[in-house]
Amino acid sequence: MVELQTSPLNAVFHALGDATRRRMLQELAGGERTVGQLAQPFAISLAAASKHIKALENAGLIHREVRGRIHVCRIDPGPLAGAHEWLSHYQQFWNQRLDVLEQLLRADAATAARGRSTPTPRKNTRAKKGPTS
């Protein structure tokens, strides 16, 4: 099936799927940055940085403002709320699964500890001699 419209969540996860874009968002969490400032830590061209920024813009994660010849970017964390909500469902799932695993491991450890503290009696393997006839 071909989707004609992609959900905003798809764009957010696409944007977050790249380490460079995640780092750019991290930088923007500290305040506004120019495109040059965002490109600088990665030693990438302004054209490459602009493509990353465009992906972040398409996801609604940042806004770019042109001030004369300078492009200034700032973060918009709103779309991250949808991603967080979607991921929180799986966080609950994994927390429940890990709680069950923890209970099983504790029960297994308790069983092993009981086995070590009370030695099991050995069976006498010698044949008993009965009365001789």
C-alpha atoms as a PDB file:
ATOM      1  CA  MET A   1       0.000   0.000   0.000  1.00  0.00           C
ATOM      2  CA  VAL A   2       1.342   3.425  -0.929  1.00  0.00           C
ATOM      3  CA  GLU A   3       0.908   6.197   1.605  1.00  0.00           C
ATOM      4  CA  LEU A   4       0.296   9.555  -0.001  1.00  0.00           C
ATOM      5  CA  GLN A   5       0.776  11.433   3.243  1.00  0.00           C
ATOM      6  CA  THR A   6       3.388  10.613   5.805  1.00  0.00           C
ATOM      7  CA  SER A   7       2.558  11.162   9.427  1.00  0.00           C
ATOM      8  CA  PRO A   8       4.399  13.867  11.361  1.00  0.00           C
ATOM      9  CA  LEU A   9       5.758  11.091  13.556  1.00  0.00           C
ATOM     10  CA  ASN A  10       7.471   9.505  10.536  1.00  0.00           C
ATOM     11  CA  ALA A  11       9.239  12.786   9.789  1.00  0.00           C
ATOM     12  CA  VAL A  12      10.333  13.140  13.412  1.00  0.00           C
ATOM     13  CA  PHE A  13      11.794   9.632  13.529  1.00  0.00           C
ATOM     14  CA  HIS A  14      13.430  10.137  10.137  1.00  0.00           C
ATOM     15  CA  ALA A  15      15.063  13.327  11.411  1.00  0.00           C
ATOM     16  CA  LEU A  16      16.139  11.683  14.671  1.00  0.00           C
ATOM     17  CA  GLY A  17      17.497   8.667  12.788  1.00  0.00           C
ATOM     18  CA  ASP A  18      20.696  10.513  11.917  1.00  0.00           C
ATOM     19  CA  ALA A  19      23.423  11.151  14.510  1.00  0.00           C
ATOM     20  CA  THR A  20      24.384  14.496  12.980  1.00  0.00           C
ATOM     21  CA  ARG A  21      20.831  15.786  13.236  1.00  0.00           C
ATOM     22  CA  ARG A  22      20.486  14.523  16.814  1.00  0.00           C
ATOM     23  CA  ARG A  23      23.663  16.385  17.741  1.00  0.00           C
ATOM     24  CA  MET A  24      22.386  19.528  16.003  1.00  0.00           C
ATOM     25  CA  LEU A  25      19.204  19.325  18.075  1.00  0.00           C
ATOM     26  CA  GLN A  26      21.316  18.903  21.180  1.00  0.00           C
ATOM     27  CA  GLU A  27      23.238  22.061  20.281  1.00  0.00           C
ATOM     28  CA  LEU A  28      20.008  23.956  19.652  1.00  0.00           C
ATOM     29  CA  ALA A  29      18.684  22.935  23.068  1.00  0.00           C
ATOM     30  CA  GLY A  30      21.338  25.308  24.421  1.00  0.00           C
ATOM     31  CA  GLY A  31      20.035  28.239  22.375  1.00  0.00           C
ATOM     32  CA  GLU A  32      19.911  29.638  18.861  1.00  0.00           C
ATOM     33  CA  ARG A  33      22.707  28.738  16.445  1.00  0.00           C
ATOM     34  CA  THR A  34      23.601  29.807  12.936  1.00  0.00           C
ATOM     35  CA  VAL A  35      23.901  27.236  10.172  1.00  0.00           C
ATOM     36  CA  GLY A  36      27.671  27.742  10.281  1.00  0.00           C
ATOM     37  CA  GLN A  37      27.746  27.094  14.022  1.00  0.00           C
ATOM     38  CA  LEU A  38      25.713  23.924  13.560  1.00  0.00           C
ATOM     39  CA  ALA A  39      28.002  22.716  10.754  1.00  0.00           C
ATOM     40  CA  GLN A  40      31.288  23.505  12.521  1.00  0.00           C
ATOM     41  CA  PRO A  41      31.581  20.490  14.910  1.00  0.00           C
ATOM     42  CA  PHE A  42      31.103  18.064  12.014  1.00  0.00           C
ATOM     43  CA  ALA A  43      33.535  19.539   9.498  1.00  0.00           C
ATOM     44  CA  ILE A  44      30.814  19.426   6.846  1.00  0.00           C
ATOM     45  CA  SER A  45      29.985  21.943   4.163  1.00  0.00           C
ATOM     46  CA  LEU A  46      27.248  24.499   4.644  1.00  0.00           C
ATOM     47  CA  ALA A  47      25.316  22.739   1.863  1.00  0.00           C
ATOM     48  CA  ALA A  48      25.452  19.415   3.759  1.00  0.00           C
ATOM     49  CA  ALA A  49      24.494  21.146   7.011  1.00  0.00           C
ATOM     50  CA  SER A  50      21.607  22.818   5.193  1.00  0.00           C
ATOM     51  CA  LYS A  51      20.275  19.412   4.088  1.00  0.00           C
ATOM     52  CA  HIS A  52      20.332  18.172   7.682  1.00  0.00           C
ATOM     53  CA  ILE A  53      18.643  21.350   8.842  1.00  0.00           C
ATOM     54  CA  LYS A  54      15.982  20.962   6.142  1.00  0.00           C
ATOM     55  CA  ALA A  55      15.175  17.447   7.471  1.00  0.00           C
ATOM     56  CA  LEU A  56      14.828  18.887  10.977  1.00  0.00           C
ATOM     57  CA  GLU A  57      12.624  21.684   9.622  1.00  0.00           C
ATOM     58  CA  ASN A  58      10.431  19.221   7.696  1.00  0.00           C
ATOM     59  CA  ALA A  59       9.856  17.356  10.952  1.00  0.00           C
ATOM     60  CA  GLY A  60       8.925  20.618  12.668  1.00  0.00           C
ATOM     61  CA  LEU A  61      11.769  20.177  15.151  1.00  0.00           C
ATOM     62  CA  ILE A  62      13.449  23.488  14.338  1.00  0.00           C
ATOM     63  CA  HIS A  63      12.619  26.860  12.869  1.00  0.00           C
ATOM     64  CA  ARG A  64      15.017  28.784  10.668  1.00  0.00           C
ATOM     65  CA  GLU A  65      14.906  32.560  10.533  1.00  0.00           C
ATOM     66  CA  VAL A  66      16.785  34.647   7.994  1.00  0.00           C
ATOM     67  CA  ARG A  67      18.398  37.740   9.515  1.00  0.00           C
ATOM     68  CA  GLY A  68      20.048  39.536   6.656  1.00  0.00           C
ATOM     69  CA  ARG A  69      22.528  37.023   5.248  1.00  0.00           C
ATOM     70  CA  ILE A  70      22.574  34.902   8.385  1.00  0.00           C
ATOM     71  CA  HIS A  71      20.277  31.908   8.910  1.00  0.00           C
ATOM     72  CA  VAL A  72      19.540  31.391  12.599  1.00  0.00           C
ATOM     73  CA  CYS A  73      17.971  28.150  13.846  1.00  0.00           C
ATOM     74  CA  ARG A  74      16.095  27.481  17.046  1.00  0.00           C
ATOM     75  CA  ILE A  75      14.579  24.305  18.426  1.00  0.00           C
ATOM     76  CA  ASP A  76      10.858  23.584  18.590  1.00  0.00           C
ATOM     77  CA  PRO A  77      10.491  20.616  20.951  1.00  0.00           C
ATOM     78  CA  GLY A  78       6.733  20.262  20.356  1.00  0.00           C
ATOM     79  CA  PRO A  79       6.935  17.409  17.814  1.00  0.00           C
ATOM     80  CA  LEU A  80       9.142  15.463  20.220  1.00  0.00           C
ATOM     81  CA  ALA A  81       6.118  15.085  22.498  1.00  0.00           C
ATOM     82  CA  GLY A  82       4.426  12.797  19.961  1.00  0.00           C
ATOM     83  CA  ALA A  83       7.562  10.683  19.660  1.00  0.00           C
ATOM     84  CA  HIS A  84       7.868  10.536  23.438  1.00  0.00           C
ATOM     85  CA  GLU A  85       4.251   9.435  23.783  1.00  0.00           C
ATOM     86  CA  TRP A  86       4.734   6.699  21.190  1.00  0.00           C
ATOM     87  CA  LEU A  87       7.941   5.480  22.829  1.00  0.00           C
ATOM     88  CA  SER A  88       6.470   5.554  26.348  1.00  0.00           C
ATOM     89  CA  HIS A  89       4.146   2.702  25.380  1.00  0.00           C
ATOM     90  CA  TYR A  90       7.192   0.550  24.670  1.00  0.00           C
ATOM     91  CA  GLN A  91       8.924   1.766  27.794  1.00  0.00           C
ATOM     92  CA  GLN A  92       6.006   0.405  29.827  1.00  0.00           C
ATOM     93  CA  PHE A  93       6.127  -2.868  27.868  1.00  0.00           C
ATOM     94  CA  TRP A  94       9.853  -3.352  28.505  1.00  0.00           C
ATOM     95  CA  ASN A  95       9.578  -2.319  32.148  1.00  0.00           C
ATOM     96  CA  GLN A  96       6.931  -5.001  32.672  1.00  0.00           C
ATOM     97  CA  ARG A  97       9.044  -7.597  30.863  1.00  0.00           C
ATOM     98  CA  LEU A  98      12.131  -6.693  32.880  1.00  0.00           C
ATOM     99  CA  ASP A  99      10.135  -6.840  36.136  1.00  0.00           C
ATOM    100  CA  VAL A 100       9.067 -10.403  35.274  1.00  0.00           C
ATOM    101  CA  LEU A 101      12.664 -11.313  34.433  1.00  0.00           C
ATOM    102  CA  GLU A 102      13.849  -9.855  37.739  1.00  0.00           C
ATOM    103  CA  GLN A 103      11.276 -11.921  39.647  1.00  0.00           C
ATOM    104  CA  LEU A 104      12.379 -15.095  37.842  1.00  0.00           C
ATOM    105  CA  LEU A 105      16.045 -14.410  38.547  1.00  0.00           C
ATOM    106  CA  ARG A 106      15.354 -13.720  42.224  1.00  0.00           C
ATOM    107  CA  ALA A 107      13.335 -16.931  42.535  1.00  0.00           C
ATOM    108  CA  ASP A 108      16.105 -18.869  40.802  1.00  0.00           C
ATOM    109  CA  ALA A 109      18.738 -17.345  43.104  1.00  0.00           C
ATOM    110  CA  ALA A 110      16.620 -18.161  46.183  1.00  0.00           C
ATOM    111  CA  THR A 111      16.210 -21.760  45.032  1.00  0.00           C
ATOM    112  CA  ALA A 112      19.955 -22.062  44.454  1.00  0.00           C
ATOM    113  CA  ALA A 113      20.706 -20.546  47.877  1.00  0.00           C
ATOM    114  CA  ARG A 114      18.372 -23.024  49.611  1.00  0.00           C
ATOM    115  CA  GLY A 115      20.094 -25.865  47.796  1.00  0.00           C
ATOM    116  CA  ARG A 116      23.498 -24.787  49.095  1.00  0.00           C
ATOM    117  CA  SER A 117      22.447 -24.242  52.714  1.00  0.00           C
ATOM    118  CA  THR A 118      20.789 -27.625  53.283  1.00  0.00           C
ATOM    119  CA  PRO A 119      22.877 -30.448  51.917  1.00  0.00           C
ATOM    120  CA  THR A 120      20.890 -33.222  50.388  1.00  0.00           C
ATOM    121  CA  PRO A 121      21.372 -36.583  52.141  1.00  0.00           C
ATOM    122  CA  ARG A 122      23.417 -39.076  50.185  1.00  0.00           C
ATOM    123  CA  LYS A 123      22.000 -42.405  49.365  1.00  0.00           C
ATOM    124  CA  ASN A 124      23.960 -45.385  50.578  1.00  0.00           C
ATOM    125  CA  THR A 125      25.123 -47.063  47.441  1.00  0.00           C
ATOM    126  CA  ARG A 126      26.621 -50.069  49.224  1.00  0.00           C
ATOM    127  CA  ALA A 127      24.537 -53.173  49.071  1.00  0.00           C
ATOM    128  CA  LYS A 128      23.390 -54.207  52.487  1.00  0.00           C
ATOM    129  CA  LYS A 129      24.266 -57.678  53.510  1.00  0.00           C
ATOM    130  CA  GLY A 130      21.276 -59.582  54.649  1.00  0.00           C
ATOM    131  CA  PRO A 131      21.227 -62.674  56.924  1.00  0.00           C
ATOM    132  CA  THR A 132      23.124 -65.557  55.486  1.00  0.00           C
ATOM    133  CA  SER A 133      21.386 -68.845  55.194  1.00  0.00           C
END
